[in-house]
Amino acid sequence: MLNNASARRAIAGAIEPPARLLLRIGVTPDMVTIVGALGASLTALILVPRGEFLWALLILAVLTISDLLDGTMARLRGTAGPWGNFFDSTLDRVTDAAIFTSLVWWSVLNEEEVAAWAASICLAASVAISYSKARAESLGADASGGLAERAERLMVAALAALLTGLGVTWAMPVLLSILAVLTVVTVIQRFVKVHRQLVPSTPETPTGQD
């Protein structure tokens, strides 16, 4: 997640002690993954529709530690591998769906029609983005990349919630509308990328000769 080597070492040094403690008391990496995903989903679904954006963002920021903890615990335990990647990635998608669903609910409850439509598009396009990658990989193709990958989608959504919580009334409809466009463009980008890999170019038909 972090590209800076010194930053990664510093974070690893801070995360390892609690990771070792959790392992000693019998907590597994999968338990941490479940708690993090469940906590994040419930936080979004309960607090965001009520407009408690700042509290929601604070709790979600704390829960992101679980993303670091479970991987570190698996490494220390010697069980890091495909299952952990699959399990963590799948629950991440559940959390993402909960976050955008909560934004739809808030928008509907506050009669923010533009924001409701934009959040709905973001939700649907996010599912398409994730599925396209998984399906492409199952066919031996690569569908990664695009303007609005998971990190970018969550950052824009968080910024919209933060500004709205601070009283900036235009932030939610404007930023979610921009994000909706970017997510749809990302879906198209992935379709095009996979099409180029899976559909061979049509050879030129030779012209007839006398």
N, C-alpha and C. Protein backbone atom coordinates (compact mmCIF):
# COMPACT_ATOMS: atom_id res chain seq x y z
N MET A 1 0.82 -1.20 0.00
CA MET A 1 0.00 0.00 0.00
C MET A 1 0.86 1.25 0.00
N LEU A 2 1.94 1.23 0.75
CA LEU A 2 2.84 2.38 0.77
C LEU A 2 4.05 2.06 -0.08
N ASN A 3 4.47 3.03 -0.89
CA ASN A 3 5.59 2.80 -1.79
C ASN A 3 6.93 3.13 -1.13
N ASN A 4 6.90 3.92 -0.08
CA ASN A 4 8.14 4.31 0.57
C ASN A 4 8.61 3.20 1.49
N ALA A 5 9.85 2.72 1.27
CA ALA A 5 10.36 1.57 2.03
C ALA A 5 10.50 1.89 3.50
N SER A 6 11.00 3.09 3.84
CA SER A 6 11.17 3.44 5.25
C SER A 6 9.84 3.57 5.95
N ALA A 7 8.82 4.07 5.22
CA ALA A 7 7.49 4.18 5.81
C ALA A 7 6.92 2.80 6.08
N ARG A 8 7.14 1.87 5.14
CA ARG A 8 6.64 0.51 5.35
C ARG A 8 7.31 -0.14 6.56
N ARG A 9 8.61 0.08 6.72
CA ARG A 9 9.31 -0.49 7.88
C ARG A 9 8.81 0.10 9.18
N ALA A 10 8.56 1.41 9.17
CA ALA A 10 8.07 2.06 10.39
C ALA A 10 6.70 1.54 10.78
N ILE A 11 5.81 1.37 9.78
CA ILE A 11 4.48 0.87 10.07
C ILE A 11 4.55 -0.58 10.53
N ALA A 12 5.40 -1.39 9.86
CA ALA A 12 5.54 -2.79 10.27
C ALA A 12 6.02 -2.89 11.71
N GLY A 13 6.94 -1.99 12.09
CA GLY A 13 7.43 -2.01 13.46
C GLY A 13 6.36 -1.67 14.47
N ALA A 14 5.44 -0.79 14.09
CA ALA A 14 4.37 -0.40 15.00
C ALA A 14 3.26 -1.44 15.06
N ILE A 15 3.04 -2.16 13.95
CA ILE A 15 1.95 -3.11 13.87
C ILE A 15 2.31 -4.47 14.46
N GLU A 16 3.58 -4.86 14.39
CA GLU A 16 3.95 -6.21 14.83
C GLU A 16 3.65 -6.51 16.29
N PRO A 17 3.93 -5.60 17.24
CA PRO A 17 3.62 -5.94 18.64
C PRO A 17 2.15 -6.29 18.89
N PRO A 18 1.19 -5.44 18.45
CA PRO A 18 -0.21 -5.85 18.66
C PRO A 18 -0.58 -7.10 17.87
N ALA A 19 0.04 -7.30 16.71
CA ALA A 19 -0.23 -8.50 15.93
C ALA A 19 0.22 -9.75 16.69
N ARG A 20 1.41 -9.68 17.29
CA ARG A 20 1.91 -10.82 18.06
C ARG A 20 1.04 -11.07 19.29
N LEU A 21 0.59 -9.99 19.93
CA LEU A 21 -0.27 -10.14 21.11
C LEU A 21 -1.58 -10.83 20.75
N LEU A 22 -2.19 -10.41 19.65
CA LEU A 22 -3.46 -11.02 19.23
C LEU A 22 -3.27 -12.50 18.92
N LEU A 23 -2.16 -12.85 18.28
CA LEU A 23 -1.90 -14.25 17.98
C LEU A 23 -1.73 -15.06 19.26
N ARG A 24 -1.06 -14.47 20.25
CA ARG A 24 -0.82 -15.19 21.52
C ARG A 24 -2.13 -15.48 22.25
N ILE A 25 -3.11 -14.61 22.14
CA ILE A 25 -4.37 -14.83 22.86
C ILE A 25 -5.38 -15.61 22.02
N GLY A 26 -4.94 -16.09 20.85
CA GLY A 26 -5.80 -16.97 20.07
C GLY A 26 -6.60 -16.33 18.96
N VAL A 27 -6.36 -15.05 18.70
CA VAL A 27 -7.07 -14.37 17.61
C VAL A 27 -6.41 -14.73 16.29
N THR A 28 -7.20 -15.05 15.28
CA THR A 28 -6.66 -15.41 13.98
C THR A 28 -6.75 -14.22 13.02
N PRO A 29 -5.95 -14.23 11.94
CA PRO A 29 -6.05 -13.16 10.94
C PRO A 29 -7.44 -13.03 10.35
N ASP A 30 -8.12 -14.16 10.12
CA ASP A 30 -9.47 -14.11 9.55
C ASP A 30 -10.44 -13.41 10.50
N MET A 31 -10.26 -13.62 11.80
CA MET A 31 -11.12 -12.93 12.78
C MET A 31 -10.95 -11.42 12.67
N VAL A 32 -9.71 -10.98 12.55
CA VAL A 32 -9.44 -9.54 12.44
C VAL A 32 -10.06 -8.99 11.15
N THR A 33 -9.95 -9.74 10.06
CA THR A 33 -10.53 -9.32 8.78
C THR A 33 -12.03 -9.17 8.91
N ILE A 34 -12.68 -10.14 9.56
CA ILE A 34 -14.14 -10.11 9.71
C ILE A 34 -14.56 -8.93 10.57
N VAL A 35 -13.87 -8.74 11.70
CA VAL A 35 -14.22 -7.63 12.60
C VAL A 35 -14.05 -6.29 11.89
N GLY A 36 -12.95 -6.15 11.15
CA GLY A 36 -12.72 -4.89 10.44
C GLY A 36 -13.79 -4.62 9.41
N ALA A 37 -14.13 -5.64 8.61
CA ALA A 37 -15.14 -5.46 7.56
C ALA A 37 -16.52 -5.22 8.16
N LEU A 38 -16.88 -5.99 9.18
CA LEU A 38 -18.18 -5.83 9.82
C LEU A 38 -18.29 -4.47 10.50
N GLY A 39 -17.23 -4.07 11.20
CA GLY A 39 -17.24 -2.78 11.88
C GLY A 39 -17.35 -1.62 10.90
N ALA A 40 -16.60 -1.70 9.81
CA ALA A 40 -16.64 -0.64 8.81
C ALA A 40 -18.00 -0.55 8.14
N SER A 41 -18.57 -1.72 7.82
CA SER A 41 -19.88 -1.74 7.16
C SER A 41 -20.97 -1.18 8.06
N LEU A 42 -20.98 -1.61 9.31
CA LEU A 42 -22.00 -1.13 10.25
C LEU A 42 -21.83 0.36 10.54
N THR A 43 -20.57 0.80 10.65
CA THR A 43 -20.31 2.22 10.88
C THR A 43 -20.90 3.05 9.75
N ALA A 44 -20.63 2.63 8.52
CA ALA A 44 -21.16 3.37 7.37
C ALA A 44 -22.68 3.34 7.34
N LEU A 45 -23.27 2.16 7.50
CA LEU A 45 -24.71 2.01 7.36
C LEU A 45 -25.50 2.67 8.49
N ILE A 46 -24.89 2.81 9.67
CA ILE A 46 -25.59 3.41 10.80
C ILE A 46 -25.36 4.92 10.89
N LEU A 47 -24.11 5.35 10.75
CA LEU A 47 -23.78 6.76 10.99
C LEU A 47 -23.98 7.66 9.76
N VAL A 48 -23.61 7.17 8.58
CA VAL A 48 -23.67 8.03 7.39
C VAL A 48 -25.10 8.46 7.05
N PRO A 49 -26.11 7.57 7.04
CA PRO A 49 -27.46 8.02 6.74
C PRO A 49 -27.98 9.07 7.73
N ARG A 50 -27.44 9.07 8.93
CA ARG A 50 -27.84 10.06 9.94
C ARG A 50 -27.06 11.36 9.81
N GLY A 51 -26.13 11.41 8.87
CA GLY A 51 -25.36 12.62 8.66
C GLY A 51 -24.20 12.80 9.63
N GLU A 52 -23.83 11.76 10.37
CA GLU A 52 -22.73 11.85 11.32
C GLU A 52 -21.42 11.49 10.61
N PHE A 53 -21.07 12.32 9.64
CA PHE A 53 -19.94 12.01 8.77
C PHE A 53 -18.60 12.02 9.49
N LEU A 54 -18.39 12.98 10.36
CA LEU A 54 -17.08 13.09 11.01
C LEU A 54 -16.81 11.91 11.92
N TRP A 55 -17.82 11.48 12.67
CA TRP A 55 -17.65 10.30 13.53
C TRP A 55 -17.42 9.06 12.67
N ALA A 56 -18.18 8.96 11.58
CA ALA A 56 -18.03 7.81 10.70
C ALA A 56 -16.62 7.74 10.12
N LEU A 57 -16.10 8.88 9.67
CA LEU A 57 -14.76 8.90 9.09
C LEU A 57 -13.70 8.56 10.13
N LEU A 58 -13.89 9.05 11.35
CA LEU A 58 -12.92 8.77 12.41
C LEU A 58 -12.88 7.27 12.72
N ILE A 59 -14.05 6.66 12.86
CA ILE A 59 -14.09 5.23 13.17
C ILE A 59 -13.55 4.41 12.01
N LEU A 60 -13.91 4.79 10.78
CA LEU A 60 -13.41 4.06 9.62
C LEU A 60 -11.89 4.16 9.50
N ALA A 61 -11.35 5.33 9.85
CA ALA A 61 -9.90 5.49 9.82
C ALA A 61 -9.23 4.55 10.81
N VAL A 62 -9.82 4.41 12.00
CA VAL A 62 -9.25 3.50 13.00
C VAL A 62 -9.35 2.05 12.53
N LEU A 63 -10.48 1.71 11.89
CA LEU A 63 -10.70 0.34 11.46
C LEU A 63 -9.79 -0.07 10.30
N THR A 64 -9.24 0.91 9.60
CA THR A 64 -8.32 0.56 8.50
C THR A 64 -7.07 -0.14 9.04
N ILE A 65 -6.81 0.00 10.33
CA ILE A 65 -5.68 -0.70 10.93
C ILE A 65 -5.82 -2.21 10.76
N SER A 66 -7.08 -2.69 10.72
CA SER A 66 -7.29 -4.13 10.56
C SER A 66 -6.72 -4.63 9.24
N ASP A 67 -6.70 -3.76 8.21
CA ASP A 67 -6.12 -4.15 6.93
C ASP A 67 -4.63 -4.42 7.04
N LEU A 68 -3.98 -3.72 7.98
CA LEU A 68 -2.55 -3.95 8.21
C LEU A 68 -2.33 -5.10 9.18
N LEU A 69 -3.21 -5.19 10.17
CA LEU A 69 -3.04 -6.21 11.20
C LEU A 69 -3.19 -7.62 10.65
N ASP A 70 -4.25 -7.86 9.87
CA ASP A 70 -4.50 -9.25 9.45
C ASP A 70 -3.37 -9.78 8.56
N GLY A 71 -2.85 -8.93 7.67
CA GLY A 71 -1.74 -9.36 6.83
C GLY A 71 -0.48 -9.63 7.63
N THR A 72 -0.20 -8.76 8.61
CA THR A 72 0.98 -8.95 9.46
C THR A 72 0.84 -10.21 10.30
N MET A 73 -0.36 -10.44 10.83
CA MET A 73 -0.60 -11.64 11.63
C MET A 73 -0.42 -12.90 10.80
N ALA A 74 -0.93 -12.87 9.56
CA ALA A 74 -0.78 -14.04 8.69
C ALA A 74 0.69 -14.31 8.39
N ARG A 75 1.45 -13.24 8.16
CA ARG A 75 2.88 -13.41 7.89
C ARG A 75 3.60 -13.99 9.10
N LEU A 76 3.31 -13.47 10.29
CA LEU A 76 3.96 -13.96 11.50
C LEU A 76 3.56 -15.41 11.80
N ARG A 77 2.34 -15.74 11.44
CA ARG A 77 1.83 -17.08 11.70
C ARG A 77 2.28 -18.09 10.64
N GLY A 78 2.76 -17.55 9.51
CA GLY A 78 3.19 -18.42 8.43
C GLY A 78 2.06 -18.94 7.58
N THR A 79 0.91 -18.23 7.60
CA THR A 79 -0.26 -18.70 6.83
C THR A 79 -0.64 -17.72 5.72
N ALA A 80 0.23 -16.76 5.44
CA ALA A 80 -0.09 -15.82 4.35
C ALA A 80 -0.15 -16.57 3.03
N GLY A 81 -1.14 -16.28 2.24
CA GLY A 81 -1.28 -16.98 0.97
C GLY A 81 -2.54 -16.61 0.23
N PRO A 82 -2.92 -17.40 -0.77
CA PRO A 82 -4.07 -17.07 -1.62
C PRO A 82 -5.39 -16.93 -0.86
N TRP A 83 -5.62 -17.79 0.16
CA TRP A 83 -6.89 -17.70 0.88
C TRP A 83 -7.04 -16.34 1.55
N GLY A 84 -6.00 -15.89 2.23
CA GLY A 84 -6.08 -14.59 2.90
C GLY A 84 -6.33 -13.46 1.92
N ASN A 85 -5.66 -13.52 0.77
CA ASN A 85 -5.88 -12.49 -0.25
C ASN A 85 -7.32 -12.50 -0.74
N PHE A 86 -7.84 -13.71 -1.00
CA PHE A 86 -9.22 -13.84 -1.48
C PHE A 86 -10.21 -13.34 -0.43
N PHE A 87 -10.03 -13.79 0.81
CA PHE A 87 -10.97 -13.45 1.88
C PHE A 87 -10.97 -11.95 2.14
N ASP A 88 -9.78 -11.35 2.23
CA ASP A 88 -9.67 -9.93 2.50
C ASP A 88 -10.25 -9.11 1.35
N SER A 89 -9.95 -9.51 0.12
CA SER A 89 -10.43 -8.77 -1.04
C SER A 89 -11.95 -8.84 -1.14
N THR A 90 -12.52 -10.00 -0.86
CA THR A 90 -13.98 -10.16 -0.94
C THR A 90 -14.68 -9.30 0.11
N LEU A 91 -14.18 -9.32 1.32
CA LEU A 91 -14.81 -8.50 2.37
C LEU A 91 -14.60 -7.01 2.13
N ASP A 92 -13.50 -6.65 1.47
CA ASP A 92 -13.31 -5.25 1.07
C ASP A 92 -14.45 -4.80 0.17
N ARG A 93 -14.88 -5.69 -0.75
CA ARG A 93 -15.97 -5.35 -1.66
C ARG A 93 -17.29 -5.16 -0.91
N VAL A 94 -17.49 -5.97 0.14
CA VAL A 94 -18.69 -5.83 0.98
C VAL A 94 -18.68 -4.46 1.66
N THR A 95 -17.53 -4.10 2.20
CA THR A 95 -17.40 -2.79 2.86
C THR A 95 -17.64 -1.65 1.88
N ASP A 96 -17.07 -1.75 0.69
CA ASP A 96 -17.28 -0.71 -0.32
C ASP A 96 -18.76 -0.55 -0.65
N ALA A 97 -19.45 -1.68 -0.81
CA ALA A 97 -20.88 -1.63 -1.12
C ALA A 97 -21.66 -0.96 0.02
N ALA A 98 -21.28 -1.27 1.26
CA ALA A 98 -21.96 -0.66 2.40
C ALA A 98 -21.74 0.85 2.43
N ILE A 99 -20.53 1.29 2.12
CA ILE A 99 -20.23 2.72 2.13
C ILE A 99 -21.06 3.47 1.10
N PHE A 100 -21.10 2.97 -0.13
CA PHE A 100 -21.85 3.68 -1.17
C PHE A 100 -23.36 3.54 -0.98
N THR A 101 -23.80 2.41 -0.41
CA THR A 101 -25.22 2.28 -0.07
C THR A 101 -25.61 3.31 0.98
N SER A 102 -24.74 3.51 1.96
CA SER A 102 -25.03 4.50 3.01
C SER A 102 -25.12 5.91 2.43
N LEU A 103 -24.30 6.20 1.42
CA LEU A 103 -24.36 7.52 0.78
C LEU A 103 -25.65 7.68 -0.01
N VAL A 104 -26.11 6.60 -0.62
CA VAL A 104 -27.41 6.65 -1.31
C VAL A 104 -28.51 6.94 -0.31
N TRP A 105 -28.51 6.23 0.83
CA TRP A 105 -29.53 6.44 1.84
C TRP A 105 -29.53 7.87 2.35
N TRP A 106 -28.33 8.39 2.66
CA TRP A 106 -28.25 9.77 3.15
C TRP A 106 -28.83 10.74 2.11
N SER A 107 -28.49 10.52 0.87
CA SER A 107 -28.94 11.41 -0.20
C SER A 107 -30.46 11.38 -0.33
N VAL A 108 -31.04 10.18 -0.26
CA VAL A 108 -32.50 10.05 -0.36
C VAL A 108 -33.18 10.71 0.84
N LEU A 109 -32.67 10.44 2.03
CA LEU A 109 -33.27 11.00 3.24
C LEU A 109 -33.19 12.53 3.27
N ASN A 110 -32.16 13.09 2.64
CA ASN A 110 -31.99 14.53 2.63
C ASN A 110 -32.42 15.17 1.31
N GLU A 111 -33.14 14.38 0.51
CA GLU A 111 -33.70 14.87 -0.76
C GLU A 111 -32.63 15.48 -1.67
N GLU A 112 -31.46 14.85 -1.67
CA GLU A 112 -30.37 15.24 -2.56
C GLU A 112 -30.43 14.32 -3.78
N GLU A 113 -31.27 14.70 -4.74
CA GLU A 113 -31.53 13.81 -5.87
C GLU A 113 -30.28 13.56 -6.71
N VAL A 114 -29.50 14.61 -6.97
CA VAL A 114 -28.29 14.44 -7.78
C VAL A 114 -27.31 13.52 -7.08
N ALA A 115 -27.11 13.74 -5.80
CA ALA A 115 -26.19 12.89 -5.04
C ALA A 115 -26.67 11.45 -4.98
N ALA A 116 -27.99 11.25 -4.87
CA ALA A 116 -28.53 9.90 -4.82
C ALA A 116 -28.26 9.15 -6.13
N TRP A 117 -28.51 9.82 -7.25
CA TRP A 117 -28.23 9.20 -8.54
C TRP A 117 -26.73 8.91 -8.70
N ALA A 118 -25.92 9.89 -8.33
CA ALA A 118 -24.47 9.73 -8.49
C ALA A 118 -23.94 8.59 -7.62
N ALA A 119 -24.39 8.52 -6.37
CA ALA A 119 -23.94 7.45 -5.47
C ALA A 119 -24.40 6.09 -5.98
N SER A 120 -25.61 6.03 -6.55
CA SER A 120 -26.12 4.77 -7.11
C SER A 120 -25.26 4.32 -8.29
N ILE A 121 -24.88 5.27 -9.14
CA ILE A 121 -24.01 4.94 -10.27
C ILE A 121 -22.65 4.46 -9.78
N CYS A 122 -22.11 5.13 -8.76
CA CYS A 122 -20.83 4.73 -8.18
C CYS A 122 -20.90 3.31 -7.64
N LEU A 123 -22.02 2.99 -6.96
CA LEU A 123 -22.20 1.66 -6.39
C LEU A 123 -22.22 0.60 -7.48
N ALA A 124 -23.03 0.82 -8.51
CA ALA A 124 -23.15 -0.16 -9.59
C ALA A 124 -21.84 -0.29 -10.37
N ALA A 125 -21.22 0.84 -10.69
CA ALA A 125 -19.98 0.80 -11.46
C ALA A 125 -18.85 0.18 -10.66
N SER A 126 -18.82 0.39 -9.35
CA SER A 126 -17.79 -0.22 -8.51
C SER A 126 -17.88 -1.74 -8.55
N VAL A 127 -19.11 -2.25 -8.53
CA VAL A 127 -19.31 -3.70 -8.64
C VAL A 127 -18.79 -4.20 -9.98
N ALA A 128 -19.10 -3.45 -11.05
CA ALA A 128 -18.65 -3.84 -12.38
C ALA A 128 -17.13 -3.81 -12.49
N ILE A 129 -16.51 -2.82 -11.86
CA ILE A 129 -15.05 -2.70 -11.89
C ILE A 129 -14.40 -3.91 -11.21
N SER A 130 -14.90 -4.25 -10.03
CA SER A 130 -14.33 -5.38 -9.29
C SER A 130 -14.57 -6.69 -10.03
N TYR A 131 -15.78 -6.88 -10.55
CA TYR A 131 -16.10 -8.12 -11.24
C TYR A 131 -15.29 -8.27 -12.52
N SER A 132 -15.13 -7.16 -13.24
CA SER A 132 -14.39 -7.24 -14.50
C SER A 132 -12.96 -7.71 -14.27
N LYS A 133 -12.35 -7.25 -13.18
CA LYS A 133 -10.98 -7.68 -12.89
C LYS A 133 -10.93 -9.16 -12.55
N ALA A 134 -11.85 -9.59 -11.68
CA ALA A 134 -11.86 -11.01 -11.28
C ALA A 134 -12.15 -11.91 -12.47
N ARG A 135 -13.12 -11.53 -13.29
CA ARG A 135 -13.48 -12.35 -14.44
C ARG A 135 -12.36 -12.37 -15.48
N ALA A 136 -11.74 -11.23 -15.70
CA ALA A 136 -10.64 -11.18 -16.66
C ALA A 136 -9.50 -12.07 -16.22
N GLU A 137 -9.16 -12.03 -14.93
CA GLU A 137 -8.06 -12.86 -14.43
C GLU A 137 -8.38 -14.34 -14.57
N SER A 138 -9.66 -14.71 -14.41
CA SER A 138 -10.03 -16.12 -14.58
C SER A 138 -9.87 -16.57 -16.03
N LEU A 139 -9.84 -15.62 -16.96
CA LEU A 139 -9.67 -15.93 -18.39
C LEU A 139 -8.24 -15.70 -18.85
N GLY A 140 -7.37 -15.38 -17.91
CA GLY A 140 -5.97 -15.19 -18.24
C GLY A 140 -5.64 -13.81 -18.76
N ALA A 141 -6.52 -12.84 -18.50
CA ALA A 141 -6.28 -11.46 -18.96
C ALA A 141 -6.05 -10.56 -17.75
N ASP A 142 -5.63 -9.35 -18.03
CA ASP A 142 -5.37 -8.36 -16.98
C ASP A 142 -6.32 -7.18 -17.16
N ALA A 143 -7.10 -6.88 -16.11
CA ALA A 143 -8.05 -5.76 -16.18
C ALA A 143 -7.75 -4.72 -15.12
N SER A 144 -6.52 -4.66 -14.65
CA SER A 144 -6.19 -3.68 -13.62
C SER A 144 -6.05 -2.29 -14.22
N GLY A 145 -6.02 -1.28 -13.36
CA GLY A 145 -5.83 0.09 -13.82
C GLY A 145 -7.15 0.81 -14.03
N GLY A 146 -7.04 2.03 -14.52
CA GLY A 146 -8.22 2.87 -14.73
C GLY A 146 -8.16 4.11 -13.88
N LEU A 147 -9.01 5.07 -14.20
CA LEU A 147 -8.98 6.36 -13.52
C LEU A 147 -9.43 6.27 -12.07
N ALA A 148 -10.40 5.41 -11.77
CA ALA A 148 -10.96 5.38 -10.42
C ALA A 148 -10.91 3.96 -9.87
N GLU A 149 -9.74 3.55 -9.38
CA GLU A 149 -9.63 2.27 -8.70
C GLU A 149 -10.14 2.43 -7.27
N ARG A 150 -10.06 1.35 -6.49
CA ARG A 150 -10.68 1.36 -5.17
C ARG A 150 -10.19 2.50 -4.29
N ALA A 151 -8.89 2.71 -4.24
CA ALA A 151 -8.35 3.76 -3.37
C ALA A 151 -8.88 5.14 -3.76
N GLU A 152 -8.92 5.40 -5.06
CA GLU A 152 -9.40 6.71 -5.52
C GLU A 152 -10.89 6.88 -5.21
N ARG A 153 -11.67 5.82 -5.39
CA ARG A 153 -13.11 5.92 -5.11
C ARG A 153 -13.36 6.23 -3.64
N LEU A 154 -12.64 5.53 -2.77
CA LEU A 154 -12.85 5.75 -1.34
C LEU A 154 -12.35 7.13 -0.90
N MET A 155 -11.27 7.58 -1.50
CA MET A 155 -10.74 8.90 -1.14
C MET A 155 -11.71 10.01 -1.53
N VAL A 156 -12.29 9.92 -2.72
CA VAL A 156 -13.25 10.95 -3.15
C VAL A 156 -14.51 10.89 -2.29
N ALA A 157 -14.99 9.68 -2.00
CA ALA A 157 -16.17 9.54 -1.15
C ALA A 157 -15.90 10.10 0.25
N ALA A 158 -14.72 9.83 0.79
CA ALA A 158 -14.36 10.34 2.11
C ALA A 158 -14.27 11.86 2.10
N LEU A 159 -13.70 12.42 1.04
CA LEU A 159 -13.61 13.89 0.94
C LEU A 159 -14.99 14.51 0.87
N ALA A 160 -15.88 13.89 0.10
CA ALA A 160 -17.25 14.41 0.00
C ALA A 160 -17.93 14.38 1.37
N ALA A 161 -17.75 13.27 2.11
CA ALA A 161 -18.36 13.17 3.44
C ALA A 161 -17.75 14.17 4.41
N LEU A 162 -16.42 14.33 4.35
CA LEU A 162 -15.75 15.27 5.25
C LEU A 162 -16.23 16.70 5.03
N LEU A 163 -16.25 17.12 3.77
CA LEU A 163 -16.67 18.49 3.47
C LEU A 163 -18.14 18.71 3.82
N THR A 164 -18.96 17.70 3.57
CA THR A 164 -20.38 17.81 3.93
C THR A 164 -20.53 17.92 5.44
N GLY A 165 -19.75 17.12 6.17
CA GLY A 165 -19.80 17.20 7.63
C GLY A 165 -19.34 18.53 8.16
N LEU A 166 -18.50 19.23 7.39
CA LEU A 166 -18.03 20.56 7.79
C LEU A 166 -18.93 21.68 7.30
N GLY A 167 -20.04 21.30 6.65
CA GLY A 167 -21.02 22.30 6.24
C GLY A 167 -20.94 22.75 4.80
N VAL A 168 -20.11 22.11 3.99
CA VAL A 168 -20.01 22.48 2.57
C VAL A 168 -21.12 21.73 1.83
N THR A 169 -22.22 22.41 1.56
CA THR A 169 -23.43 21.74 1.08
C THR A 169 -23.31 21.21 -0.35
N TRP A 170 -22.46 21.81 -1.16
CA TRP A 170 -22.36 21.37 -2.55
C TRP A 170 -21.42 20.18 -2.73
N ALA A 171 -20.68 19.84 -1.70
CA ALA A 171 -19.61 18.84 -1.85
C ALA A 171 -20.14 17.47 -2.27
N MET A 172 -21.20 17.02 -1.62
CA MET A 172 -21.68 15.66 -1.90
C MET A 172 -22.17 15.51 -3.34
N PRO A 173 -23.10 16.35 -3.81
CA PRO A 173 -23.55 16.15 -5.20
C PRO A 173 -22.45 16.37 -6.23
N VAL A 174 -21.59 17.36 -6.02
CA VAL A 174 -20.57 17.66 -7.02
C VAL A 174 -19.51 16.57 -7.06
N LEU A 175 -18.96 16.21 -5.92
CA LEU A 175 -17.87 15.22 -5.89
C LEU A 175 -18.36 13.83 -6.28
N LEU A 176 -19.57 13.46 -5.84
CA LEU A 176 -20.09 12.15 -6.23
C LEU A 176 -20.43 12.10 -7.71
N SER A 177 -20.86 13.22 -8.27
CA SER A 177 -21.12 13.27 -9.71
C SER A 177 -19.83 13.08 -10.50
N ILE A 178 -18.78 13.75 -10.06
CA ILE A 178 -17.47 13.56 -10.71
C ILE A 178 -17.02 12.11 -10.58
N LEU A 179 -17.18 11.55 -9.39
CA LEU A 179 -16.77 10.17 -9.16
C LEU A 179 -17.60 9.21 -10.01
N ALA A 180 -18.89 9.49 -10.17
CA ALA A 180 -19.74 8.63 -11.00
C ALA A 180 -19.21 8.58 -12.43
N VAL A 181 -18.83 9.72 -12.96
CA VAL A 181 -18.28 9.77 -14.32
C VAL A 181 -16.98 8.97 -14.38
N LEU A 182 -16.12 9.16 -13.39
CA LEU A 182 -14.82 8.47 -13.39
C LEU A 182 -14.97 6.96 -13.26
N THR A 183 -15.95 6.51 -12.46
CA THR A 183 -16.13 5.06 -12.32
C THR A 183 -16.66 4.44 -13.60
N VAL A 184 -17.57 5.13 -14.27
CA VAL A 184 -18.08 4.61 -15.54
C VAL A 184 -16.96 4.57 -16.58
N VAL A 185 -16.13 5.61 -16.60
CA VAL A 185 -15.00 5.63 -17.52
C VAL A 185 -14.06 4.47 -17.21
N THR A 186 -13.87 4.17 -15.94
CA THR A 186 -12.99 3.06 -15.54
C THR A 186 -13.53 1.73 -16.04
N VAL A 187 -14.84 1.54 -15.94
CA VAL A 187 -15.45 0.32 -16.47
C VAL A 187 -15.15 0.19 -17.96
N ILE A 188 -15.33 1.28 -18.69
CA ILE A 188 -15.08 1.27 -20.13
C ILE A 188 -13.60 0.98 -20.42
N GLN A 189 -12.72 1.61 -19.64
CA GLN A 189 -11.29 1.38 -19.83
C GLN A 189 -10.94 -0.10 -19.67
N ARG A 190 -11.55 -0.75 -18.68
CA ARG A 190 -11.25 -2.16 -18.45
C ARG A 190 -11.83 -3.04 -19.55
N PHE A 191 -13.02 -2.69 -20.03
CA PHE A 191 -13.58 -3.44 -21.16
C PHE A 191 -12.65 -3.37 -22.37
N VAL A 192 -12.19 -2.17 -22.65
CA VAL A 192 -11.31 -1.98 -23.80
C VAL A 192 -10.01 -2.75 -23.62
N LYS A 193 -9.43 -2.68 -22.41
CA LYS A 193 -8.16 -3.36 -22.15
C LYS A 193 -8.28 -4.87 -22.30
N VAL A 194 -9.36 -5.43 -21.77
CA VAL A 194 -9.55 -6.88 -21.86
C VAL A 194 -9.89 -7.29 -23.29
N HIS A 195 -10.67 -6.48 -23.97
CA HIS A 195 -11.01 -6.78 -25.36
C HIS A 195 -9.75 -6.89 -26.21
N ARG A 196 -8.81 -6.00 -25.99
CA ARG A 196 -7.56 -6.03 -26.76
C ARG A 196 -6.76 -7.29 -26.49
N GLN A 197 -6.90 -7.84 -25.27
CA GLN A 197 -6.14 -9.05 -24.93
C GLN A 197 -6.82 -10.33 -25.41
N LEU A 198 -8.15 -10.34 -25.40
CA LEU A 198 -8.87 -11.58 -25.66
C LEU A 198 -9.40 -11.71 -27.09
N VAL A 199 -9.54 -10.58 -27.77
CA VAL A 199 -10.05 -10.63 -29.14
C VAL A 199 -8.91 -10.32 -30.09
N PRO A 200 -8.44 -11.32 -30.84
CA PRO A 200 -7.32 -11.06 -31.75
C PRO A 200 -7.72 -10.09 -32.85
N SER A 201 -6.77 -9.29 -33.25
CA SER A 201 -7.05 -8.34 -34.32
C SER A 201 -7.33 -9.10 -35.61
N THR A 202 -8.29 -8.60 -36.36
CA THR A 202 -8.69 -9.26 -37.61
C THR A 202 -7.64 -9.03 -38.67
N PRO A 203 -7.08 -10.09 -39.22
CA PRO A 203 -6.07 -9.88 -40.25
C PRO A 203 -6.66 -9.23 -41.48
N GLU A 204 -5.86 -8.48 -42.15
CA GLU A 204 -6.32 -7.81 -43.34
C GLU A 204 -6.62 -8.84 -44.43
N THR A 205 -7.76 -8.63 -45.07
CA THR A 205 -8.16 -9.54 -46.15
C THR A 205 -7.41 -9.16 -47.41
N PRO A 206 -6.65 -10.08 -47.98
CA PRO A 206 -5.89 -9.73 -49.19
C PRO A 206 -6.82 -9.38 -50.35
N THR A 207 -6.43 -8.41 -51.09
CA THR A 207 -7.23 -8.01 -52.25
C THR A 207 -7.06 -9.01 -53.37
N GLY A 208 -8.08 -9.20 -54.12
CA GLY A 208 -8.01 -10.14 -55.22
C GLY A 208 -7.04 -9.71 -56.30
N GLN A 209 -6.40 -10.68 -56.92
CA GLN A 209 -5.47 -10.39 -57.99
C GLN A 209 -5.94 -11.04 -59.28
N ASP A 210 -5.68 -10.37 -60.40
CA ASP A 210 -6.07 -10.93 -61.71
C ASP A 210 -5.18 -12.12 -62.04
